N, C-alpha and C. Protein backbone atom coordinates (compact mmCIF):
# COMPACT_ATOMS: atom_id res chain seq x y z
N MET A 1 0.81 -1.21 0.00
CA MET A 1 0.00 0.00 0.00
C MET A 1 0.85 1.28 0.00
N LYS A 2 2.17 1.10 0.03
CA LYS A 2 3.04 2.27 0.02
C LYS A 2 2.81 3.14 -1.21
N LYS A 3 2.66 2.47 -2.37
CA LYS A 3 2.45 3.22 -3.61
C LYS A 3 1.16 4.03 -3.56
N VAL A 4 0.12 3.42 -3.01
CA VAL A 4 -1.18 4.09 -2.92
C VAL A 4 -1.08 5.29 -1.99
N ARG A 5 -0.43 5.11 -0.86
CA ARG A 5 -0.26 6.23 0.08
C ARG A 5 0.54 7.36 -0.56
N ARG A 6 1.59 7.00 -1.32
CA ARG A 6 2.41 8.00 -2.00
C ARG A 6 1.58 8.79 -3.02
N ILE A 7 0.79 8.06 -3.81
CA ILE A 7 -0.07 8.72 -4.81
C ILE A 7 -1.06 9.65 -4.12
N LEU A 8 -1.67 9.17 -3.04
CA LEU A 8 -2.63 10.02 -2.33
C LEU A 8 -1.96 11.29 -1.82
N ARG A 9 -0.74 11.16 -1.28
CA ARG A 9 0.00 12.35 -0.83
C ARG A 9 0.27 13.30 -1.98
N GLU A 10 0.67 12.74 -3.14
CA GLU A 10 0.93 13.59 -4.31
C GLU A 10 -0.34 14.30 -4.77
N LEU A 11 -1.48 13.71 -4.49
CA LEU A 11 -2.76 14.33 -4.84
C LEU A 11 -3.25 15.28 -3.74
N GLY A 12 -2.45 15.44 -2.70
CA GLY A 12 -2.80 16.35 -1.62
C GLY A 12 -3.74 15.75 -0.59
N ILE A 13 -3.84 14.42 -0.58
CA ILE A 13 -4.75 13.73 0.35
C ILE A 13 -3.93 13.13 1.47
N THR A 14 -4.26 13.53 2.68
CA THR A 14 -3.55 13.03 3.86
C THR A 14 -4.54 12.37 4.82
N ALA A 15 -4.01 11.84 5.90
CA ALA A 15 -4.81 11.08 6.85
C ALA A 15 -5.83 11.93 7.60
N ASN A 16 -5.80 13.23 7.43
CA ASN A 16 -6.81 14.05 8.11
C ASN A 16 -8.18 13.94 7.45
N TYR A 17 -8.24 13.33 6.26
CA TYR A 17 -9.52 13.05 5.61
C TYR A 17 -10.00 11.67 6.05
N THR A 18 -11.24 11.57 6.48
CA THR A 18 -11.81 10.28 6.86
C THR A 18 -11.71 9.30 5.70
N GLY A 19 -11.92 9.77 4.50
CA GLY A 19 -11.88 8.93 3.33
C GLY A 19 -10.51 8.36 3.01
N TYR A 20 -9.46 8.93 3.58
CA TYR A 20 -8.10 8.45 3.33
C TYR A 20 -7.97 6.98 3.70
N TYR A 21 -8.29 6.65 4.94
CA TYR A 21 -8.18 5.26 5.39
C TYR A 21 -9.24 4.38 4.73
N GLN A 22 -10.39 4.95 4.46
CA GLN A 22 -11.43 4.17 3.80
C GLN A 22 -10.99 3.78 2.39
N ILE A 23 -10.27 4.65 1.71
CA ILE A 23 -9.73 4.31 0.39
C ILE A 23 -8.67 3.22 0.51
N ILE A 24 -7.80 3.33 1.49
CA ILE A 24 -6.77 2.31 1.70
C ILE A 24 -7.43 0.96 1.93
N TRP A 25 -8.45 0.91 2.78
CA TRP A 25 -9.14 -0.35 3.07
C TRP A 25 -9.85 -0.88 1.82
N ALA A 26 -10.46 0.02 1.06
CA ALA A 26 -11.16 -0.39 -0.16
C ALA A 26 -10.17 -0.99 -1.17
N VAL A 27 -9.02 -0.39 -1.31
CA VAL A 27 -8.01 -0.91 -2.23
C VAL A 27 -7.50 -2.27 -1.74
N GLU A 28 -7.32 -2.40 -0.44
CA GLU A 28 -6.90 -3.70 0.11
C GLU A 28 -7.92 -4.78 -0.24
N LEU A 29 -9.19 -4.47 -0.08
CA LEU A 29 -10.25 -5.44 -0.43
C LEU A 29 -10.20 -5.78 -1.91
N ALA A 30 -10.07 -4.77 -2.75
CA ALA A 30 -10.06 -4.99 -4.20
C ALA A 30 -8.82 -5.78 -4.63
N CYS A 31 -7.71 -5.60 -3.93
CA CYS A 31 -6.50 -6.36 -4.25
C CYS A 31 -6.70 -7.84 -3.91
N GLN A 32 -7.46 -8.11 -2.88
CA GLN A 32 -7.73 -9.49 -2.50
C GLN A 32 -8.66 -10.17 -3.49
N ASP A 33 -9.63 -9.39 -4.00
CA ASP A 33 -10.60 -9.95 -4.94
C ASP A 33 -11.09 -8.83 -5.85
N SER A 34 -10.63 -8.84 -7.09
CA SER A 34 -10.96 -7.76 -8.03
C SER A 34 -12.45 -7.69 -8.34
N GLU A 35 -13.20 -8.76 -8.08
CA GLU A 35 -14.65 -8.74 -8.30
C GLU A 35 -15.34 -7.73 -7.38
N PHE A 36 -14.69 -7.37 -6.30
CA PHE A 36 -15.27 -6.38 -5.39
C PHE A 36 -15.54 -5.07 -6.10
N LEU A 37 -14.69 -4.72 -7.07
CA LEU A 37 -14.86 -3.45 -7.78
C LEU A 37 -16.13 -3.43 -8.62
N ALA A 38 -16.63 -4.60 -8.99
CA ALA A 38 -17.85 -4.68 -9.80
C ALA A 38 -19.11 -4.49 -8.96
N GLN A 39 -18.97 -4.60 -7.66
CA GLN A 39 -20.11 -4.45 -6.75
C GLN A 39 -19.73 -3.49 -5.63
N MET A 40 -19.55 -2.24 -6.01
CA MET A 40 -19.03 -1.24 -5.08
C MET A 40 -19.83 -1.14 -3.78
N ILE A 41 -21.14 -1.01 -3.88
CA ILE A 41 -21.94 -0.80 -2.66
C ILE A 41 -21.90 -2.05 -1.79
N LYS A 42 -22.27 -3.16 -2.36
CA LYS A 42 -22.40 -4.40 -1.60
C LYS A 42 -21.07 -4.91 -1.06
N LYS A 43 -20.04 -4.85 -1.87
CA LYS A 43 -18.77 -5.45 -1.49
C LYS A 43 -17.80 -4.45 -0.85
N ILE A 44 -17.61 -3.32 -1.47
CA ILE A 44 -16.60 -2.38 -0.96
C ILE A 44 -17.16 -1.48 0.12
N TYR A 45 -18.18 -0.69 -0.23
CA TYR A 45 -18.69 0.28 0.73
C TYR A 45 -19.19 -0.37 2.01
N CYS A 46 -19.89 -1.47 1.90
CA CYS A 46 -20.44 -2.12 3.10
C CYS A 46 -19.34 -2.69 3.99
N HIS A 47 -18.33 -3.30 3.38
CA HIS A 47 -17.22 -3.84 4.17
C HIS A 47 -16.43 -2.72 4.85
N VAL A 48 -16.15 -1.68 4.11
CA VAL A 48 -15.40 -0.55 4.67
C VAL A 48 -16.24 0.14 5.75
N ALA A 49 -17.53 0.26 5.52
CA ALA A 49 -18.41 0.89 6.52
C ALA A 49 -18.39 0.10 7.83
N GLU A 50 -18.42 -1.20 7.71
CA GLU A 50 -18.38 -2.05 8.90
C GLU A 50 -17.08 -1.83 9.67
N ARG A 51 -16.00 -1.78 8.95
CA ARG A 51 -14.68 -1.59 9.58
C ARG A 51 -14.55 -0.21 10.21
N SER A 52 -15.17 0.78 9.61
CA SER A 52 -15.04 2.15 10.11
C SER A 52 -16.24 2.58 10.96
N CYS A 53 -17.12 1.64 11.28
CA CYS A 53 -18.29 1.91 12.13
C CYS A 53 -19.13 3.07 11.58
N SER A 54 -19.44 2.99 10.30
CA SER A 54 -20.27 4.02 9.67
C SER A 54 -21.20 3.34 8.68
N SER A 55 -21.91 4.13 7.91
CA SER A 55 -22.83 3.58 6.92
C SER A 55 -22.13 3.54 5.56
N TRP A 56 -22.68 2.73 4.66
CA TRP A 56 -22.08 2.67 3.32
C TRP A 56 -22.22 4.01 2.61
N LYS A 57 -23.29 4.73 2.92
CA LYS A 57 -23.48 6.05 2.30
C LYS A 57 -22.41 7.03 2.75
N ALA A 58 -22.03 6.95 4.01
CA ALA A 58 -20.96 7.82 4.53
C ALA A 58 -19.63 7.47 3.86
N VAL A 59 -19.37 6.19 3.68
CA VAL A 59 -18.14 5.76 3.01
C VAL A 59 -18.11 6.29 1.58
N GLU A 60 -19.21 6.14 0.86
CA GLU A 60 -19.30 6.63 -0.51
C GLU A 60 -19.04 8.13 -0.56
N ARG A 61 -19.66 8.87 0.35
CA ARG A 61 -19.49 10.32 0.40
C ARG A 61 -18.04 10.70 0.75
N ASN A 62 -17.45 10.01 1.73
CA ASN A 62 -16.08 10.32 2.13
C ASN A 62 -15.09 10.07 0.99
N ILE A 63 -15.29 8.99 0.27
CA ILE A 63 -14.41 8.70 -0.86
C ILE A 63 -14.62 9.73 -1.97
N ARG A 64 -15.87 10.08 -2.22
CA ARG A 64 -16.17 11.11 -3.24
C ARG A 64 -15.51 12.44 -2.86
N THR A 65 -15.54 12.78 -1.58
CA THR A 65 -14.90 14.01 -1.11
C THR A 65 -13.41 13.98 -1.39
N VAL A 66 -12.77 12.85 -1.12
CA VAL A 66 -11.34 12.72 -1.38
C VAL A 66 -11.04 12.83 -2.87
N VAL A 67 -11.85 12.19 -3.70
CA VAL A 67 -11.65 12.26 -5.15
C VAL A 67 -11.79 13.70 -5.63
N THR A 68 -12.78 14.40 -5.13
CA THR A 68 -12.98 15.81 -5.51
C THR A 68 -11.80 16.66 -5.07
N LYS A 69 -11.31 16.43 -3.86
CA LYS A 69 -10.15 17.18 -3.36
C LYS A 69 -8.91 16.88 -4.19
N ALA A 70 -8.73 15.61 -4.53
CA ALA A 70 -7.59 15.22 -5.36
C ALA A 70 -7.64 15.95 -6.70
N TRP A 71 -8.84 16.05 -7.25
CA TRP A 71 -9.03 16.76 -8.53
C TRP A 71 -8.69 18.24 -8.37
N GLU A 72 -9.13 18.84 -7.29
CA GLU A 72 -8.84 20.26 -7.06
C GLU A 72 -7.35 20.49 -6.83
N ASN A 73 -6.69 19.56 -6.15
CA ASN A 73 -5.28 19.73 -5.80
C ASN A 73 -4.32 19.43 -6.95
N ASN A 74 -4.61 18.39 -7.74
CA ASN A 74 -3.66 17.98 -8.76
C ASN A 74 -4.36 17.26 -9.93
N PRO A 75 -5.15 17.99 -10.70
CA PRO A 75 -5.86 17.36 -11.81
C PRO A 75 -4.93 16.78 -12.87
N ASP A 76 -3.77 17.39 -13.06
CA ASP A 76 -2.84 16.89 -14.07
C ASP A 76 -2.33 15.49 -13.72
N LEU A 77 -2.03 15.27 -12.46
CA LEU A 77 -1.59 13.94 -12.03
C LEU A 77 -2.71 12.92 -12.22
N LEU A 78 -3.92 13.31 -11.88
CA LEU A 78 -5.05 12.38 -12.09
C LEU A 78 -5.20 12.04 -13.57
N ARG A 79 -5.07 13.02 -14.43
CA ARG A 79 -5.17 12.77 -15.87
C ARG A 79 -4.08 11.79 -16.32
N ARG A 80 -2.85 12.02 -15.84
CA ARG A 80 -1.75 11.12 -16.22
C ARG A 80 -2.00 9.71 -15.71
N LEU A 81 -2.49 9.58 -14.50
CA LEU A 81 -2.73 8.26 -13.91
C LEU A 81 -3.83 7.51 -14.67
N VAL A 82 -4.89 8.23 -15.01
CA VAL A 82 -6.00 7.61 -15.72
C VAL A 82 -5.60 7.32 -17.17
N GLY A 83 -4.74 8.16 -17.72
CA GLY A 83 -4.26 7.94 -19.08
C GLY A 83 -5.16 8.47 -20.16
N GLU A 84 -6.03 9.36 -19.79
CA GLU A 84 -6.90 9.99 -20.79
C GLU A 84 -7.32 11.35 -20.27
N GLU A 85 -7.87 12.14 -21.16
CA GLU A 85 -8.31 13.48 -20.80
C GLU A 85 -9.52 13.39 -19.87
N LEU A 86 -9.46 14.13 -18.80
CA LEU A 86 -10.59 14.22 -17.86
C LEU A 86 -11.04 15.67 -17.80
N TYR A 87 -12.34 15.86 -17.76
CA TYR A 87 -12.88 17.22 -17.67
C TYR A 87 -13.55 17.46 -16.33
N ARG A 88 -13.62 16.41 -15.54
CA ARG A 88 -14.18 16.50 -14.19
C ARG A 88 -13.57 15.37 -13.37
N PRO A 89 -13.78 15.38 -12.07
CA PRO A 89 -13.18 14.32 -11.25
C PRO A 89 -13.67 12.94 -11.69
N PRO A 90 -12.80 11.94 -11.59
CA PRO A 90 -13.24 10.59 -11.93
C PRO A 90 -14.26 10.10 -10.91
N THR A 91 -15.01 9.09 -11.27
CA THR A 91 -15.96 8.49 -10.33
C THR A 91 -15.18 7.73 -9.26
N ASN A 92 -15.87 7.42 -8.18
CA ASN A 92 -15.24 6.63 -7.13
C ASN A 92 -14.72 5.31 -7.66
N SER A 93 -15.52 4.65 -8.49
CA SER A 93 -15.11 3.34 -8.99
C SER A 93 -13.88 3.44 -9.89
N VAL A 94 -13.80 4.46 -10.72
CA VAL A 94 -12.61 4.66 -11.57
C VAL A 94 -11.39 4.94 -10.70
N PHE A 95 -11.56 5.79 -9.71
CA PHE A 95 -10.47 6.14 -8.80
C PHE A 95 -9.96 4.92 -8.04
N LEU A 96 -10.88 4.13 -7.49
CA LEU A 96 -10.48 2.94 -6.74
C LEU A 96 -9.87 1.89 -7.65
N SER A 97 -10.39 1.75 -8.86
CA SER A 97 -9.81 0.81 -9.82
C SER A 97 -8.37 1.20 -10.16
N LEU A 98 -8.17 2.48 -10.38
CA LEU A 98 -6.84 3.00 -10.69
C LEU A 98 -5.87 2.72 -9.54
N LEU A 99 -6.27 3.03 -8.32
CA LEU A 99 -5.40 2.79 -7.16
C LEU A 99 -5.15 1.31 -6.94
N THR A 100 -6.14 0.49 -7.23
CA THR A 100 -5.95 -0.96 -7.10
C THR A 100 -4.92 -1.45 -8.11
N GLU A 101 -5.00 -0.97 -9.34
CA GLU A 101 -4.00 -1.34 -10.35
C GLU A 101 -2.60 -0.93 -9.90
N ILE A 102 -2.49 0.27 -9.36
CA ILE A 102 -1.19 0.76 -8.89
C ILE A 102 -0.68 -0.10 -7.74
N ALA A 103 -1.57 -0.45 -6.82
CA ALA A 103 -1.18 -1.26 -5.67
C ALA A 103 -0.71 -2.65 -6.09
N MET A 104 -1.26 -3.16 -7.17
CA MET A 104 -0.93 -4.52 -7.59
C MET A 104 0.26 -4.59 -8.54
N GLU A 105 0.76 -3.44 -8.99
CA GLU A 105 1.92 -3.41 -9.88
C GLU A 105 3.15 -3.90 -9.13
N ARG A 106 3.97 -4.62 -9.84
CA ARG A 106 5.27 -5.05 -9.29
C ARG A 106 6.29 -3.94 -9.56
N ASP A 107 7.16 -3.74 -8.61
CA ASP A 107 8.22 -2.72 -8.80
C ASP A 107 9.24 -3.16 -9.81
């Protein structure tokens, strides 16, 4: 998860955002089973909500907040990571998929 944490820092996202740890946990889940990304609410948000003692809606909102902040802080890096032109922040699922791919890359 070092790569994911580094990317989040480069995007201006630190542990003071509730969604920071929720994203880390979501990526950990997706790394264990990539099918989780296909069922965001049921598999990712609900599991992360349970771990963070919140609701799946709060997890979705917290992650969306982080994605929006990342876009405001460093849209060029997000564009490079996604590999295509973006005109608005990526969706939560695109963002988590991207971070999962990064986390699973071999050095």
